[in-house]
PDB file of N, CA and C in Angstrom:
ATOM      1  N   THR A   1      65.082 142.596 132.111  1.00  0.00           N
ATOM      2  CA  THR A   1      64.944 143.207 133.426  1.00  0.00           C
ATOM      3  C   THR A   1      63.807 144.226 133.438  1.00  0.00           C
ATOM      4  N   VAL A   2      63.492 144.733 134.613  1.00  0.00           N
ATOM      5  CA  VAL A   2      62.460 145.760 134.721  1.00  0.00           C
ATOM      6  C   VAL A   2      62.843 146.989 133.907  1.00  0.00           C
ATOM      7  N   PHE A   3      64.130 147.332 133.911  1.00  0.00           N
ATOM      8  CA  PHE A   3      64.574 148.533 133.230  1.00  0.00           C
ATOM      9  C   PHE A   3      64.423 148.433 131.719  1.00  0.00           C
ATOM     10  N   ASP A   4      64.518 147.214 131.183  1.00  0.00           N
ATOM     11  CA  ASP A   4      64.369 147.047 129.737  1.00  0.00           C
ATOM     12  C   ASP A   4      63.009 147.532 129.263  1.00  0.00           C
ATOM     13  N   ASP A   5      62.013 147.470 130.127  1.00  0.00           N
ATOM     14  CA  ASP A   5      60.657 147.855 129.738  1.00  0.00           C
ATOM     15  C   ASP A   5      60.460 149.364 129.710  1.00  0.00           C
ATOM     16  N   ILE A   6      61.296 150.125 130.399  1.00  0.00           N
ATOM     17  CA  ILE A   6      61.071 151.568 130.516  1.00  0.00           C
ATOM     18  C   ILE A   6      62.165 152.407 129.877  1.00  0.00           C
ATOM     19  N   ILE A   7      63.300 151.787 129.544  1.00  0.00           N
ATOM     20  CA  ILE A   7      64.411 152.545 128.978  1.00  0.00           C
ATOM     21  C   ILE A   7      64.300 152.549 127.461  1.00  0.00           C
ATOM     22  N   SER A   8      64.370 153.729 126.879  1.00  0.00           N
ATOM     23  CA  SER A   8      64.365 153.815 125.424  1.00  0.00           C
ATOM     24  C   SER A   8      65.718 153.369 124.889  1.00  0.00           C
ATOM     25  N   GLU A   9      65.754 153.109 123.590  1.00  0.00           N
ATOM     26  CA  GLU A   9      66.998 152.631 122.990  1.00  0.00           C
ATOM     27  C   GLU A   9      68.128 153.632 123.166  1.00  0.00           C
ATOM     28  N   GLY A  10      67.792 154.929 123.105  1.00  0.00           N
ATOM     29  CA  GLY A  10      68.815 155.958 123.255  1.00  0.00           C
ATOM     30  C   GLY A  10      69.386 156.036 124.658  1.00  0.00           C
ATOM     31  N   ASP A  11      68.568 155.712 125.654  1.00  0.00           N
ATOM     32  CA  ASP A  11      69.020 155.811 127.045  1.00  0.00           C
ATOM     33  C   ASP A  11      69.812 154.596 127.485  1.00  0.00           C
ATOM     34  N   GLU A  12      69.702 153.501 126.728  1.00  0.00           N
ATOM     35  CA  GLU A  12      70.311 152.254 127.160  1.00  0.00           C
ATOM     36  C   GLU A  12      71.830 152.370 127.270  1.00  0.00           C
ATOM     37  N   GLU A  13      72.448 153.041 126.294  1.00  0.00           N
ATOM     38  CA  GLU A  13      73.905 153.186 126.311  1.00  0.00           C
ATOM     39  C   GLU A  13      74.364 154.006 127.504  1.00  0.00           C
ATOM     40  N   LEU A  14      73.619 155.087 127.792  1.00  0.00           N
ATOM     41  CA  LEU A  14      73.962 155.938 128.933  1.00  0.00           C
ATOM     42  C   LEU A  14      73.864 155.161 130.237  1.00  0.00           C
ATOM     43  N   LEU A  15      72.771 154.413 130.392  1.00  0.00           N
ATOM     44  CA  LEU A  15      72.597 153.649 131.619  1.00  0.00           C
ATOM     45  C   LEU A  15      73.701 152.599 131.764  1.00  0.00           C
ATOM     46  N   GLU A  16      74.068 151.971 130.644  1.00  0.00           N
ATOM     47  CA  GLU A  16      75.133 150.970 130.694  1.00  0.00           C
ATOM     48  C   GLU A  16      76.443 151.595 131.142  1.00  0.00           C
ATOM     49  N   LYS A  17      76.757 152.788 130.619  1.00  0.00           N
ATOM     50  CA  LYS A  17      77.988 153.470 131.007  1.00  0.00           C
ATOM     51  C   LYS A  17      77.963 153.815 132.493  1.00  0.00           C
ATOM     52  N   MET A  18      76.828 154.346 132.942  1.00  0.00           N
ATOM     53  CA  MET A  18      76.713 154.717 134.349  1.00  0.00           C
ATOM     54  C   MET A  18      76.843 153.490 135.246  1.00  0.00           C
ATOM     55  N   THR A  19      76.217 152.397 134.819  1.00  0.00           N
ATOM     56  CA  THR A  19      76.287 151.175 135.602  1.00  0.00           C
ATOM     57  C   THR A  19      77.717 150.657 135.658  1.00  0.00           C
ATOM     58  N   ASN A  20      78.442 150.739 134.535  1.00  0.00           N
ATOM     59  CA  ASN A  20      79.838 150.309 134.526  1.00  0.00           C
ATOM     60  C   ASN A  20      80.670 151.157 135.467  1.00  0.00           C
ATOM     61  N   ASP A  21      80.425 152.468 135.466  1.00  0.00           N
ATOM     62  CA  ASP A  21      81.147 153.357 136.381  1.00  0.00           C
ATOM     63  C   ASP A  21      80.856 152.985 137.832  1.00  0.00           C
ATOM     64  N   LEU A  22      79.586 152.678 138.114  1.00  0.00           N
ATOM     65  CA  LEU A  22      79.208 152.327 139.478  1.00  0.00           C
ATOM     66  C   LEU A  22      79.818 150.994 139.877  1.00  0.00           C
ATOM     67  N   ASN A  23      79.904 150.053 138.951  1.00  0.00           N
ATOM     68  CA  ASN A  23      80.530 148.773 139.248  1.00  0.00           C
ATOM     69  C   ASN A  23      81.972 148.981 139.697  1.00  0.00           C
ATOM     70  N   ASN A  24      82.619 149.994 139.147  1.00  0.00           N
ATOM     71  CA  ASN A  24      84.013 150.251 139.473  1.00  0.00           C
ATOM     72  C   ASN A  24      84.182 151.040 140.767  1.00  0.00           C
ATOM     73  N   ASN A  25      83.197 151.876 141.093  1.00  0.00           N
ATOM     74  CA  ASN A  25      83.423 152.883 142.129  1.00  0.00           C
ATOM     75  C   ASN A  25      82.525 152.777 143.357  1.00  0.00           C
ATOM     76  N   HIS A  26      81.449 152.005 143.281  1.00  0.00           N
ATOM     77  CA  HIS A  26      80.465 152.025 144.357  1.00  0.00           C
ATOM     78  C   HIS A  26      80.093 150.608 144.795  1.00  0.00           C
ATOM     79  N   THR A  27      79.488 150.541 145.959  1.00  0.00           N
ATOM     80  CA  THR A  27      78.992 149.272 146.450  1.00  0.00           C
ATOM     81  C   THR A  27      77.695 148.901 145.764  1.00  0.00           C
ATOM     82  N   GLN A  28      77.295 147.652 145.893  1.00  0.00           N
ATOM     83  CA  GLN A  28      76.045 147.203 145.297  1.00  0.00           C
ATOM     84  C   GLN A  28      74.850 147.959 145.866  1.00  0.00           C
ATOM     85  N   LYS A  29      74.913 148.300 147.140  1.00  0.00           N
ATOM     86  CA  LYS A  29      73.805 149.022 147.762  1.00  0.00           C
ATOM     87  C   LYS A  29      73.628 150.404 147.129  1.00  0.00           C
ATOM     88  N   LYS A  30      74.730 151.127 146.956  1.00  0.00           N
ATOM     89  CA  LYS A  30      74.642 152.445 146.334  1.00  0.00           C
ATOM     90  C   LYS A  30      74.148 152.340 144.899  1.00  0.00           C
ATOM     91  N   ARG A  31      74.620 151.324 144.179  1.00  0.00           N
ATOM     92  CA  ARG A  31      74.201 151.110 142.792  1.00  0.00           C
ATOM     93  C   ARG A  31      72.698 150.896 142.722  1.00  0.00           C
ATOM     94  N   LYS A  32      72.184 150.096 143.644  1.00  0.00           N
ATOM     95  CA  LYS A  32      70.742 149.833 143.662  1.00  0.00           C
ATOM     96  C   LYS A  32      69.961 151.120 143.911  1.00  0.00           C
ATOM     97  N   LEU A  33      70.410 151.934 144.853  1.00  0.00           N
ATOM     98  CA  LEU A  33      69.718 153.182 145.160  1.00  0.00           C
ATOM     99  C   LEU A  33      69.695 154.116 143.952  1.00  0.00           C
ATOM    100  N   ILE A  34      70.806 154.189 143.235  1.00  0.00           N
ATOM    101  CA  ILE A  34      70.862 155.079 142.072  1.00  0.00           C
ATOM    102  C   ILE A  34      69.971 154.555 140.957  1.00  0.00           C
ATOM    103  N   LEU A  35      69.924 153.248 140.757  1.00  0.00           N
ATOM    104  CA  LEU A  35      69.035 152.691 139.739  1.00  0.00           C
ATOM    105  C   LEU A  35      67.580 152.968 140.074  1.00  0.00           C
ATOM    106  N   ILE A  36      67.230 152.885 141.359  1.00  0.00           N
ATOM    107  CA  ILE A  36      65.864 153.228 141.778  1.00  0.00           C
ATOM    108  C   ILE A  36      65.585 154.690 141.476  1.00  0.00           C
ATOM    109  N   PHE A  37      66.543 155.561 141.769  1.00  0.00           N
ATOM    110  CA  PHE A  37      66.381 156.987 141.481  1.00  0.00           C
ATOM    111  C   PHE A  37      66.176 157.230 139.989  1.00  0.00           C
ATOM    112  N   LEU A  38      66.984 156.559 139.161  1.00  0.00           N
ATOM    113  CA  LEU A  38      66.852 156.716 137.708  1.00  0.00           C
ATOM    114  C   LEU A  38      65.488 156.245 137.239  1.00  0.00           C
ATOM    115  N   LYS A  39      65.015 155.157 137.804  1.00  0.00           N
ATOM    116  CA  LYS A  39      63.706 154.639 137.414  1.00  0.00           C
ATOM    117  C   LYS A  39      62.614 155.654 137.729  1.00  0.00           C
ATOM    118  N   ILE A  40      62.688 156.271 138.902  1.00  0.00           N
ATOM    119  CA  ILE A  40      61.700 157.280 139.290  1.00  0.00           C
ATOM    120  C   ILE A  40      61.748 158.458 138.318  1.00  0.00           C
ATOM    121  N   GLN A  41      62.956 158.884 137.950  1.00  0.00           N
ATOM    122  CA  GLN A  41      63.094 160.014 137.040  1.00  0.00           C
ATOM    123  C   GLN A  41      62.497 159.701 135.667  1.00  0.00           C
ATOM    124  N   MET A  42      62.691 158.484 135.180  1.00  0.00           N
ATOM    125  CA  MET A  42      62.202 158.113 133.850  1.00  0.00           C
ATOM    126  C   MET A  42      60.685 157.987 133.827  1.00  0.00           C
ATOM    127  N   VAL A  43      60.125 157.479 134.913  1.00  0.00           N
ATOM    128  CA  VAL A  43      58.680 157.258 134.949  1.00  0.00           C
ATOM    129  C   VAL A  43      57.928 158.572 135.078  1.00  0.00           C
ATOM    130  N   SER A  44      58.476 159.487 135.861  1.00  0.00           N
ATOM    131  CA  SER A  44      57.775 160.749 136.111  1.00  0.00           C
ATOM    132  C   SER A  44      57.935 161.732 134.953  1.00  0.00           C
TER     133      SER A  44
END
């Protein structure tokens, strides 16, 4: 995925946990918005 190219090995576990939490608690739309936000934070 796009995220595989920008996420370091250490961040991968955190992102996976957050994504799992979002799968349980949020809609797909909210999940997408948060992933976009995380991508912006990592790039900047």
